[in-house]
């Protein structure tokens, strides 16, 4: 497992299990483990994804980007959540 720090200073981990899941579905990424981590750590752009996910983009050519979807779990906001229980 490797950990990188996002632009928002949140540690992002990439476990071996998650990496195998990624390359099973995106076999073109098989040799790009370090590039995926670098994209999170030093992206050219960060755009909003779905359900609090972030999408980091790193240019690889004039019209192509390596795109990495990740979540900053410690950044979850309770403002948008329906709180079912809260400790008093």
Protein backbone atom coordinates (compact mmCIF):
# COMPACT_ATOMS: atom_id res chain seq x y z
CA UNK A 1 0.00 0.00 0.00
CA UNK A 2 1.25 3.44 -0.92
CA UNK A 3 0.06 6.77 0.42
CA UNK A 4 0.25 10.15 -1.31
CA UNK A 5 -0.97 13.53 -0.14
CA UNK A 6 -3.63 15.30 -2.17
CA UNK A 7 -3.61 19.01 -3.03
CA UNK A 8 -5.93 19.50 -0.05
CA UNK A 9 -3.34 17.87 2.26
CA UNK A 10 -5.37 14.70 2.77
CA UNK A 11 -3.49 11.36 2.74
CA UNK A 12 -4.81 9.10 -0.04
CA UNK A 13 -3.96 5.40 0.10
CA UNK A 14 -3.90 2.94 -2.75
CA UNK A 15 -4.09 -0.62 -1.48
CA UNK A 16 -2.95 -3.64 -3.43
CA UNK A 17 -6.54 -4.93 -3.55
CA UNK A 18 -7.80 -1.63 -4.99
CA UNK A 19 -4.99 -1.51 -7.55
CA UNK A 20 -5.83 -5.04 -8.77
CA UNK A 21 -9.48 -4.00 -9.06
CA UNK A 22 -8.46 -0.97 -11.13
CA UNK A 23 -6.26 -2.88 -13.58
CA UNK A 24 -8.85 -5.65 -13.95
CA UNK A 25 -11.25 -3.07 -15.35
CA UNK A 26 -8.67 -0.80 -16.99
CA UNK A 27 -5.90 -3.07 -18.26
CA UNK A 28 -4.32 -0.13 -20.12
CA UNK A 29 -3.25 1.23 -16.71
CA UNK A 30 -1.29 -1.90 -15.75
CA UNK A 31 2.14 -0.28 -16.07
CA UNK A 32 1.13 3.09 -14.68
CA UNK A 33 0.90 2.61 -10.91
CA UNK A 34 3.30 5.47 -10.15
CA UNK A 35 1.56 7.73 -12.69
CA UNK A 36 -1.78 7.18 -10.96
CA UNK A 37 -0.30 8.17 -7.60
CA UNK A 38 1.47 11.17 -9.16
CA UNK A 39 -1.81 12.32 -10.72
CA UNK A 40 -3.40 12.50 -7.27
CA UNK A 41 -0.36 14.18 -5.74
CA UNK A 42 0.36 16.67 -8.54
CA UNK A 43 -2.63 17.01 -10.90
CA UNK A 44 -3.09 19.57 -13.65
CA UNK A 45 -6.79 19.83 -12.78
CA UNK A 46 -9.16 18.60 -10.08
CA UNK A 47 -12.84 18.43 -10.95
CA UNK A 48 -15.88 17.44 -8.93
CA UNK A 49 -17.08 13.88 -9.29
CA UNK A 50 -20.21 12.18 -8.00
CA UNK A 51 -20.97 11.43 -4.34
CA UNK A 52 -18.07 13.54 -3.01
CA UNK A 53 -15.51 11.96 -5.32
CA UNK A 54 -12.78 14.07 -6.83
CA UNK A 55 -11.30 13.55 -10.28
CA UNK A 56 -7.64 14.39 -10.77
CA UNK A 57 -6.43 14.94 -14.32
CA UNK A 58 -2.84 14.95 -15.54
CA UNK A 59 -2.02 15.78 -19.15
CA UNK A 60 -0.18 13.05 -21.04
CA UNK A 61 -0.41 14.69 -24.47
CA UNK A 62 -2.10 17.71 -26.02
CA UNK A 63 -5.54 16.11 -26.02
CA UNK A 64 -5.22 13.18 -23.56
CA UNK A 65 -5.40 13.09 -19.78
CA UNK A 66 -4.79 10.42 -17.19
CA UNK A 67 -7.93 10.61 -15.05
CA UNK A 68 -7.99 9.28 -11.48
CA UNK A 69 -11.14 9.19 -9.32
CA UNK A 70 -10.59 9.27 -5.57
CA UNK A 71 -12.27 10.31 -2.33
CA UNK A 72 -10.99 12.35 0.56
CA UNK A 73 -12.86 10.56 3.32
CA UNK A 74 -11.71 12.96 6.03
CA UNK A 75 -13.31 15.78 4.03
CA UNK A 76 -16.86 14.40 4.21
CA UNK A 77 -19.31 17.12 5.20
CA UNK A 78 -22.25 16.37 7.46
CA UNK A 79 -24.14 19.32 6.02
CA UNK A 80 -25.28 17.25 3.04
CA UNK A 81 -25.91 14.03 4.97
CA UNK A 82 -29.04 12.85 6.72
CA UNK A 83 -27.80 12.21 10.26
CA UNK A 84 -29.53 9.11 11.65
CA UNK A 85 -27.83 9.13 15.03
CA UNK A 86 -25.53 11.48 16.92
CA UNK A 87 -23.68 10.96 20.18
CA UNK A 88 -24.82 13.38 22.89
